[in-house]
PDB file of N, CA and C in Angstrom:
ATOM      1  N   MET A   1      73.186 -12.529  56.602  1.00  0.00           N
ATOM      2  CA  MET A   1      74.450 -12.983  56.177  1.00  0.00           C
ATOM      3  C   MET A   1      74.277 -14.328  55.529  1.00  0.00           C
ATOM      4  N   ALA A   2      74.840 -14.492  54.378  1.00  0.00           N
ATOM      5  CA  ALA A   2      74.692 -15.742  53.620  1.00  0.00           C
ATOM      6  C   ALA A   2      75.673 -16.780  54.157  1.00  0.00           C
ATOM      7  N   ARG A   3      75.220 -18.008  54.187  1.00  0.00           N
ATOM      8  CA  ARG A   3      76.065 -19.131  54.621  1.00  0.00           C
ATOM      9  C   ARG A   3      75.999 -20.222  53.607  1.00  0.00           C
ATOM     10  N   TRP A   4      76.975 -21.103  53.614  1.00  0.00           N
ATOM     11  CA  TRP A   4      76.987 -22.228  52.723  1.00  0.00           C
ATOM     12  C   TRP A   4      75.825 -23.170  53.084  1.00  0.00           C
ATOM     13  N   PRO A   5      75.096 -23.665  52.083  1.00  0.00           N
ATOM     14  CA  PRO A   5      73.953 -24.531  52.397  1.00  0.00           C
ATOM     15  C   PRO A   5      74.371 -25.804  53.085  1.00  0.00           C
ATOM     16  N   ARG A   6      73.478 -26.372  53.888  1.00  0.00           N
ATOM     17  CA  ARG A   6      73.811 -27.569  54.661  1.00  0.00           C
ATOM     18  C   ARG A   6      73.323 -28.852  53.924  1.00  0.00           C
ATOM     19  N   THR A   7      72.494 -28.738  52.941  1.00  0.00           N
ATOM     20  CA  THR A   7      71.977 -29.923  52.245  1.00  0.00           C
ATOM     21  C   THR A   7      72.760 -30.180  50.962  1.00  0.00           C
ATOM     22  N   VAL A   8      72.677 -31.402  50.469  1.00  0.00           N
ATOM     23  CA  VAL A   8      73.395 -31.760  49.270  1.00  0.00           C
ATOM     24  C   VAL A   8      72.816 -31.007  48.090  1.00  0.00           C
ATOM     25  N   GLY A   9      71.461 -30.916  48.028  1.00  0.00           N
ATOM     26  CA  GLY A   9      70.828 -30.163  46.954  1.00  0.00           C
ATOM     27  C   GLY A   9      71.200 -28.682  46.963  1.00  0.00           C
ATOM     28  N   GLY A  10      71.269 -28.102  48.174  1.00  0.00           N
ATOM     29  CA  GLY A  10      71.648 -26.712  48.269  1.00  0.00           C
ATOM     30  C   GLY A  10      73.111 -26.486  47.876  1.00  0.00           C
ATOM     31  N   ASN A  11      74.016 -27.417  48.260  1.00  0.00           N
ATOM     32  CA  ASN A  11      75.407 -27.343  47.831  1.00  0.00           C
ATOM     33  C   ASN A  11      75.534 -27.442  46.329  1.00  0.00           C
ATOM     34  N   LEU A  12      74.762 -28.346  45.731  1.00  0.00           N
ATOM     35  CA  LEU A  12      74.810 -28.522  44.266  1.00  0.00           C
ATOM     36  C   LEU A  12      74.307 -27.268  43.565  1.00  0.00           C
ATOM     37  N   LEU A  13      73.241 -26.703  44.055  1.00  0.00           N
ATOM     38  CA  LEU A  13      72.714 -25.478  43.467  1.00  0.00           C
ATOM     39  C   LEU A  13      73.703 -24.338  43.583  1.00  0.00           C
ATOM     40  N   ALA A  14      74.330 -24.196  44.784  1.00  0.00           N
ATOM     41  CA  ALA A  14      75.311 -23.133  44.963  1.00  0.00           C
ATOM     42  C   ALA A  14      76.497 -23.334  44.034  1.00  0.00           C
ATOM     43  N   PHE A  15      76.956 -24.569  43.897  1.00  0.00           N
ATOM     44  CA  PHE A  15      78.094 -24.846  43.018  1.00  0.00           C
ATOM     45  C   PHE A  15      77.736 -24.519  41.564  1.00  0.00           C
ATOM     46  N   VAL A  16      76.549 -24.909  41.126  1.00  0.00           N
ATOM     47  CA  VAL A  16      76.124 -24.596  39.743  1.00  0.00           C
ATOM     48  C   VAL A  16      76.068 -23.082  39.505  1.00  0.00           C
ATOM     49  N   CYS A  17      75.530 -22.359  40.514  1.00  0.00           N
ATOM     50  CA  CYS A  17      75.489 -20.893  40.386  1.00  0.00           C
ATOM     51  C   CYS A  17      76.877 -20.285  40.326  1.00  0.00           C
ATOM     52  N   ILE A  18      77.791 -20.799  41.092  1.00  0.00           N
ATOM     53  CA  ILE A  18      79.175 -20.290  41.094  1.00  0.00           C
ATOM     54  C   ILE A  18      79.811 -20.535  39.712  1.00  0.00           C
ATOM     55  N   VAL A  19      79.605 -21.751  39.185  1.00  0.00           N
ATOM     56  CA  VAL A  19      80.162 -22.081  37.903  1.00  0.00           C
ATOM     57  C   VAL A  19      79.583 -21.177  36.787  1.00  0.00           C
ATOM     58  N   ILE A  20      78.280 -20.953  36.840  1.00  0.00           N
ATOM     59  CA  ILE A  20      77.658 -20.122  35.801  1.00  0.00           C
ATOM     60  C   ILE A  20      78.132 -18.700  35.869  1.00  0.00           C
ATOM     61  N   VAL A  21      78.233 -18.159  37.071  1.00  0.00           N
ATOM     62  CA  VAL A  21      78.745 -16.771  37.238  1.00  0.00           C
ATOM     63  C   VAL A  21      80.207 -16.685  36.794  1.00  0.00           C
ATOM     64  N   GLY A  22      81.002 -17.723  37.155  1.00  0.00           N
ATOM     65  CA  GLY A  22      82.398 -17.756  36.723  1.00  0.00           C
ATOM     66  C   GLY A  22      82.546 -17.756  35.184  1.00  0.00           C
ATOM     67  N   LEU A  23      81.703 -18.588  34.550  1.00  0.00           N
ATOM     68  CA  LEU A  23      81.756 -18.638  33.098  1.00  0.00           C
ATOM     69  C   LEU A  23      81.352 -17.297  32.441  1.00  0.00           C
ATOM     70  N   VAL A  24      80.356 -16.655  33.009  1.00  0.00           N
ATOM     71  CA  VAL A  24      79.913 -15.352  32.495  1.00  0.00           C
ATOM     72  C   VAL A  24      81.063 -14.333  32.672  1.00  0.00           C
ATOM     73  N   VAL A  25      81.711 -14.343  33.770  1.00  0.00           N
ATOM     74  CA  VAL A  25      82.819 -13.416  34.008  1.00  0.00           C
ATOM     75  C   VAL A  25      83.976 -13.653  33.046  1.00  0.00           C
ATOM     76  N   VAL A  26      84.305 -14.949  32.843  1.00  0.00           N
ATOM     77  CA  VAL A  26      85.412 -15.277  31.904  1.00  0.00           C
ATOM     78  C   VAL A  26      85.027 -14.890  30.471  1.00  0.00           C
ATOM     79  N   GLN A  27      83.804 -15.184  30.074  1.00  0.00           N
ATOM     80  CA  GLN A  27      83.367 -14.864  28.710  1.00  0.00           C
ATOM     81  C   GLN A  27      83.354 -13.354  28.503  1.00  0.00           C
ATOM     82  N   SER A  28      82.933 -12.610  29.540  1.00  0.00           N
ATOM     83  CA  SER A  28      82.939 -11.138  29.422  1.00  0.00           C
ATOM     84  C   SER A  28      84.347 -10.618  29.330  1.00  0.00           C
ATOM     85  N   ALA A  29      85.244 -11.201  30.078  1.00  0.00           N
ATOM     86  CA  ALA A  29      86.651 -10.763  30.042  1.00  0.00           C
ATOM     87  C   ALA A  29      87.281 -11.048  28.692  1.00  0.00           C
ATOM     88  N   ILE A  30      86.940 -12.211  28.146  1.00  0.00           N
ATOM     89  CA  ILE A  30      87.473 -12.559  26.792  1.00  0.00           C
ATOM     90  C   ILE A  30      86.887 -11.620  25.730  1.00  0.00           C
ATOM     91  N   ALA A  31      85.587 -11.348  25.848  1.00  0.00           N
ATOM     92  CA  ALA A  31      84.929 -10.485  24.873  1.00  0.00           C
ATOM     93  C   ALA A  31      85.501  -9.060  24.921  1.00  0.00           C
ATOM     94  N   LEU A  32      85.752  -8.582  26.132  1.00  0.00           N
ATOM     95  CA  LEU A  32      86.286  -7.208  26.288  1.00  0.00           C
ATOM     96  C   LEU A  32      87.788  -7.212  26.108  1.00  0.00           C
ATOM     97  N   SER A  33      88.428  -8.298  26.447  1.00  0.00           N
ATOM     98  CA  SER A  33      89.874  -8.565  26.360  1.00  0.00           C
ATOM     99  C   SER A  33      90.788  -7.347  26.322  1.00  0.00           C
ATOM    100  N   GLY A  34      90.575  -6.466  27.242  1.00  0.00           N
ATOM    101  CA  GLY A  34      91.466  -5.341  27.388  1.00  0.00           C
ATOM    102  C   GLY A  34      92.335  -5.554  28.613  1.00  0.00           C
ATOM    103  N   GLY A  35      93.390  -4.838  28.694  1.00  0.00           N
ATOM    104  CA  GLY A  35      94.264  -4.947  29.856  1.00  0.00           C
ATOM    105  C   GLY A  35      93.595  -4.550  31.168  1.00  0.00           C
ATOM    106  N   TYR A  36      92.692  -3.552  31.075  1.00  0.00           N
ATOM    107  CA  TYR A  36      92.015  -3.107  32.280  1.00  0.00           C
ATOM    108  C   TYR A  36      91.098  -4.194  32.850  1.00  0.00           C
ATOM    109  N   VAL A  37      90.501  -4.966  31.978  1.00  0.00           N
ATOM    110  CA  VAL A  37      89.602  -6.030  32.450  1.00  0.00           C
ATOM    111  C   VAL A  37      90.404  -7.068  33.210  1.00  0.00           C
ATOM    112  N   TRP A  38      91.550  -7.484  32.712  1.00  0.00           N
ATOM    113  CA  TRP A  38      92.376  -8.470  33.357  1.00  0.00           C
ATOM    114  C   TRP A  38      92.969  -7.953  34.676  1.00  0.00           C
ATOM    115  N   ILE A  39      93.357  -6.704  34.659  1.00  0.00           N
ATOM    116  CA  ILE A  39      93.832  -6.040  35.877  1.00  0.00           C
ATOM    117  C   ILE A  39      92.715  -5.991  36.952  1.00  0.00           C
ATOM    118  N   ALA A  40      91.525  -5.659  36.506  1.00  0.00           N
ATOM    119  CA  ALA A  40      90.384  -5.606  37.441  1.00  0.00           C
ATOM    120  C   ALA A  40      90.093  -6.974  38.033  1.00  0.00           C
ATOM    121  N   LEU A  41      90.112  -8.006  37.148  1.00  0.00           N
ATOM    122  CA  LEU A  41      89.903  -9.373  37.639  1.00  0.00           C
ATOM    123  C   LEU A  41      90.982  -9.819  38.622  1.00  0.00           C
ATOM    124  N   GLY A  42      92.220  -9.460  38.324  1.00  0.00           N
ATOM    125  CA  GLY A  42      93.335  -9.812  39.210  1.00  0.00           C
ATOM    126  C   GLY A  42      93.201  -9.125  40.550  1.00  0.00           C
ATOM    127  N   VAL A  43      92.887  -7.843  40.544  1.00  0.00           N
ATOM    128  CA  VAL A  43      92.730  -7.100  41.781  1.00  0.00           C
ATOM    129  C   VAL A  43      91.554  -7.665  42.598  1.00  0.00           C
ATOM    130  N   THR A  44      90.491  -8.009  41.902  1.00  0.00           N
ATOM    131  CA  THR A  44      89.321  -8.583  42.605  1.00  0.00           C
ATOM    132  C   THR A  44      89.719  -9.900  43.270  1.00  0.00           C
ATOM    133  N   ALA A  45      90.469 -10.748  42.583  1.00  0.00           N
ATOM    134  CA  ALA A  45      90.910 -12.028  43.155  1.00  0.00           C
ATOM    135  C   ALA A  45      91.837 -11.791  44.327  1.00  0.00           C
ATOM    136  N   VAL A  46      92.760 -10.890  44.178  1.00  0.00           N
ATOM    137  CA  VAL A  46      93.748 -10.626  45.236  1.00  0.00           C
ATOM    138  C   VAL A  46      93.093 -10.064  46.463  1.00  0.00           C
ATOM    139  N   VAL A  47      92.013  -9.285  46.312  1.00  0.00           N
ATOM    140  CA  VAL A  47      91.292  -8.714  47.460  1.00  0.00           C
ATOM    141  C   VAL A  47      90.303  -9.724  48.030  1.00  0.00           C
ATOM    142  N   ALA A  48      89.609 -10.468  47.151  1.00  0.00           N
ATOM    143  CA  ALA A  48      88.546 -11.345  47.641  1.00  0.00           C
ATOM    144  C   ALA A  48      89.077 -12.564  48.412  1.00  0.00           C
ATOM    145  N   ILE A  49      90.166 -13.158  47.992  1.00  0.00           N
ATOM    146  CA  ILE A  49      90.669 -14.365  48.634  1.00  0.00           C
ATOM    147  C   ILE A  49      91.057 -14.114  50.095  1.00  0.00           C
ATOM    148  N   PRO A  50      91.829 -13.044  50.416  1.00  0.00           N
ATOM    149  CA  PRO A  50      92.113 -12.826  51.855  1.00  0.00           C
ATOM    150  C   PRO A  50      90.862 -12.489  52.677  1.00  0.00           C
ATOM    151  N   LEU A  51      89.910 -11.768  52.077  1.00  0.00           N
ATOM    152  CA  LEU A  51      88.681 -11.444  52.777  1.00  0.00           C
ATOM    153  C   LEU A  51      87.887 -12.705  53.078  1.00  0.00           C
ATOM    154  N   ILE A  52      87.836 -13.632  52.147  1.00  0.00           N
ATOM    155  CA  ILE A  52      87.108 -14.888  52.382  1.00  0.00           C
ATOM    156  C   ILE A  52      87.794 -15.689  53.463  1.00  0.00           C
ATOM    157  N   LEU A  53      89.124 -15.780  53.449  1.00  0.00           N
ATOM    158  CA  LEU A  53      89.865 -16.514  54.457  1.00  0.00           C
ATOM    159  C   LEU A  53      89.697 -15.851  55.825  1.00  0.00           C
ATOM    160  N   TRP A  54      89.703 -14.519  55.880  1.00  0.00           N
ATOM    161  CA  TRP A  54      89.526 -13.810  57.155  1.00  0.00           C
ATOM    162  C   TRP A  54      88.134 -14.065  57.700  1.00  0.00           C
ATOM    163  N   ARG A  55      87.130 -14.047  56.815  1.00  0.00           N
ATOM    164  CA  ARG A  55      85.725 -14.289  57.245  1.00  0.00           C
ATOM    165  C   ARG A  55      85.597 -15.702  57.813  1.00  0.00           C
ATOM    166  N   ARG A  56      86.195 -16.694  57.145  1.00  0.00           N
ATOM    167  CA  ARG A  56      86.138 -18.063  57.626  1.00  0.00           C
ATOM    168  C   ARG A  56      86.809 -18.167  59.009  1.00  0.00           C
ATOM    169  N   ALA A  57      87.931 -17.550  59.193  1.00  0.00           N
ATOM    170  CA  ALA A  57      88.596 -17.613  60.498  1.00  0.00           C
ATOM    171  C   ALA A  57      87.752 -16.923  61.563  1.00  0.00           C
ATOM    172  N   THR A  58      87.114 -15.825  61.210  1.00  0.00           N
ATOM    173  CA  THR A  58      86.220 -15.150  62.159  1.00  0.00           C
ATOM    174  C   THR A  58      85.054 -16.026  62.534  1.00  0.00           C
ATOM    175  N   MET A  59      84.428 -16.675  61.541  1.00  0.00           N
ATOM    176  CA  MET A  59      83.263 -17.559  61.841  1.00  0.00           C
ATOM    177  C   MET A  59      83.694 -18.749  62.685  1.00  0.00           C
ATOM    178  N   ASN A  60      84.884 -19.317  62.404  1.00  0.00           N
ATOM    179  CA  ASN A  60      85.356 -20.435  63.220  1.00  0.00           C
ATOM    180  C   ASN A  60      85.598 -20.000  64.681  1.00  0.00           C
ATOM    181  N   ALA A  61      86.179 -18.818  64.841  1.00  0.00           N
ATOM    182  CA  ALA A  61      86.384 -18.302  66.233  1.00  0.00           C
ATOM    183  C   ALA A  61      85.087 -18.023  66.897  1.00  0.00           C
ATOM    184  N   ARG A  62      84.130 -17.519  66.191  1.00  0.00           N
ATOM    185  CA  ARG A  62      82.790 -17.254  66.784  1.00  0.00           C
ATOM    186  C   ARG A  62      82.101 -18.579  67.152  1.00  0.00           C
ATOM    187  N   ASP A  63      82.231 -19.599  66.306  1.00  0.00           N
ATOM    188  CA  ASP A  63      81.642 -20.888  66.627  1.00  0.00           C
ATOM    189  C   ASP A  63      82.306 -21.524  67.857  1.00  0.00           C
ATOM    190  N   LEU A  64      83.626 -21.365  67.996  1.00  0.00           N
ATOM    191  CA  LEU A  64      84.302 -21.868  69.163  1.00  0.00           C
ATOM    192  C   LEU A  64      83.882 -21.154  70.431  1.00  0.00           C
ATOM    193  N   ALA A  65      83.662 -19.846  70.344  1.00  0.00           N
ATOM    194  CA  ALA A  65      83.236 -19.076  71.475  1.00  0.00           C
ATOM    195  C   ALA A  65      81.834 -19.493  71.916  1.00  0.00           C
ATOM    196  N   VAL A  66      80.971 -19.780  70.959  1.00  0.00           N
ATOM    197  CA  VAL A  66      79.627 -20.210  71.302  1.00  0.00           C
ATOM    198  C   VAL A  66      79.645 -21.609  71.844  1.00  0.00           C
ATOM    199  N   ALA A  67      80.550 -22.457  71.365  1.00  0.00           N
ATOM    200  CA  ALA A  67      80.612 -23.840  71.848  1.00  0.00           C
ATOM    201  C   ALA A  67      80.989 -23.909  73.319  1.00  0.00           C
ATOM    202  N   ASP A  68      81.787 -22.939  73.775  1.00  0.00           N
ATOM    203  CA  ASP A  68      82.208 -22.933  75.196  1.00  0.00           C
ATOM    204  C   ASP A  68      81.195 -22.241  76.100  1.00  0.00           C
ATOM    205  N   ALA A  69      80.189 -21.617  75.527  1.00  0.00           N
ATOM    206  CA  ALA A  69      79.169 -20.938  76.332  1.00  0.00           C
ATOM    207  C   ALA A  69      78.293 -21.974  77.077  1.00  0.00           C
ATOM    208  N   PRO A  70      77.767 -21.567  78.211  1.00  0.00           N
ATOM    209  CA  PRO A  70      76.937 -22.548  78.972  1.00  0.00           C
ATOM    210  C   PRO A  70      75.613 -22.768  78.215  1.00  0.00           C
ATOM    211  N   SER A  71      75.102 -23.987  78.385  1.00  0.00           N
ATOM    212  CA  SER A  71      73.820 -24.331  77.749  1.00  0.00           C
ATOM    213  C   SER A  71      72.652 -23.709  78.510  1.00  0.00           C
ATOM    214  N   PHE A  72      71.513 -23.781  77.926  1.00  0.00           N
ATOM    215  CA  PHE A  72      70.292 -23.237  78.567  1.00  0.00           C
ATOM    216  C   PHE A  72      69.994 -23.956  79.858  1.00  0.00           C
ATOM    217  N   SER A  73      70.176 -25.271  79.854  1.00  0.00           N
ATOM    218  CA  SER A  73      69.853 -26.043  81.051  1.00  0.00           C
ATOM    219  C   SER A  73      70.835 -25.704  82.172  1.00  0.00           C
ATOM    220  N   GLU A  74      72.109 -25.464  81.862  1.00  0.00           N
ATOM    221  CA  GLU A  74      73.069 -25.038  82.882  1.00  0.00           C
ATOM    222  C   GLU A  74      72.703 -23.720  83.485  1.00  0.00           C
ATOM    223  N   VAL A  75      72.292 -22.764  82.667  1.00  0.00           N
ATOM    224  CA  VAL A  75      71.891 -21.448  83.150  1.00  0.00           C
ATOM    225  C   VAL A  75      70.667 -21.612  84.022  1.00  0.00           C
ATOM    226  N   LEU A  76      69.713 -22.432  83.581  1.00  0.00           N
ATOM    227  CA  LEU A  76      68.495 -22.650  84.350  1.00  0.00           C
ATOM    228  C   LEU A  76      68.769 -23.274  85.705  1.00  0.00           C
ATOM    229  N   ASP A  77      69.696 -24.271  85.708  1.00  0.00           N
ATOM    230  CA  ASP A  77      70.062 -24.911  86.987  1.00  0.00           C
ATOM    231  C   ASP A  77      70.708 -23.878  87.933  1.00  0.00           C
ATOM    232  N   ARG A  78      71.574 -23.044  87.421  1.00  0.00           N
ATOM    233  CA  ARG A  78      72.200 -21.997  88.275  1.00  0.00           C
ATOM    234  C   ARG A  78      71.163 -21.041  88.807  1.00  0.00           C
ATOM    235  N   ARG A  79      70.219 -20.650  87.976  1.00  0.00           N
ATOM    236  CA  ARG A  79      69.160 -19.728  88.432  1.00  0.00           C
ATOM    237  C   ARG A  79      68.321 -20.375  89.525  1.00  0.00           C
ATOM    238  N   LYS A  80      67.939 -21.626  89.324  1.00  0.00           N
ATOM    239  CA  LYS A  80      67.150 -22.316  90.311  1.00  0.00           C
ATOM    240  C   LYS A  80      67.922 -22.440  91.650  1.00  0.00           C
ATOM    241  N   ALA A  81      69.193 -22.755  91.554  1.00  0.00           N
ATOM    242  CA  ALA A  81      70.040 -22.853  92.765  1.00  0.00           C
ATOM    243  C   ALA A  81      70.144 -21.494  93.435  1.00  0.00           C
ATOM    244  N   ARG A  82      70.297 -20.416  92.681  1.00  0.00           N
ATOM    245  CA  ARG A  82      70.434 -19.080  93.289  1.00  0.00           C
ATOM    246  C   ARG A  82      69.097 -18.662  93.938  1.00  0.00           C
ATOM    247  N   GLU A  83      67.968 -18.972  93.273  1.00  0.00           N
ATOM    248  CA  GLU A  83      66.716 -18.616  93.837  1.00  0.00           C
ATOM    249  C   GLU A  83      66.401 -19.452  95.110  1.00  0.00           C
ATOM    250  N   GLY A  84      66.911 -20.687  95.125  1.00  0.00           N
ATOM    251  CA  GLY A  84      66.705 -21.532  96.277  1.00  0.00           C
ATOM    252  C   GLY A  84      67.492 -21.050  97.493  1.00  0.00           C
ATOM    253  N   LEU A  85      68.640 -20.380  97.270  1.00  0.00           N
ATOM    254  CA  LEU A  85      69.438 -19.872  98.345  1.00  0.00           C
ATOM    255  C   LEU A  85      68.900 -18.579  98.939  1.00  0.00           C
ATOM    256  N   GLU A  86      68.156 -17.813  98.134  1.00  0.00           N
ATOM    257  CA  GLU A  86      67.653 -16.544  98.614  1.00  0.00           C
ATOM    258  C   GLU A  86      66.493 -16.791  99.546  1.00  0.00           C
ATOM    259  N   PRO A  87      66.331 -15.939 100.573  1.00  0.00           N
ATOM    260  CA  PRO A  87      65.229 -16.133 101.535  1.00  0.00           C
ATOM    261  C   PRO A  87      63.865 -15.783 100.949  1.00  0.00           C
TER     262      PRO A  87
END
């Protein structure tokens, strides 16, 4: 699964790639300039934006769930305590 880069250079490269792809799409739409092309672009935007927002909400919920999970040291302490209580 692709994620947004964490470094400045990676963010810059991703932004440049997005701009280049966007310009290619716009130039192709202008060159073809038919009604079907604009309808397809509109449908793509209307479908993509909610999917992106839904994915971001899902990732945020997943990150919150992981943040509340016990750490490795907590699990290790519990295991040591349980093994110490057993005969």
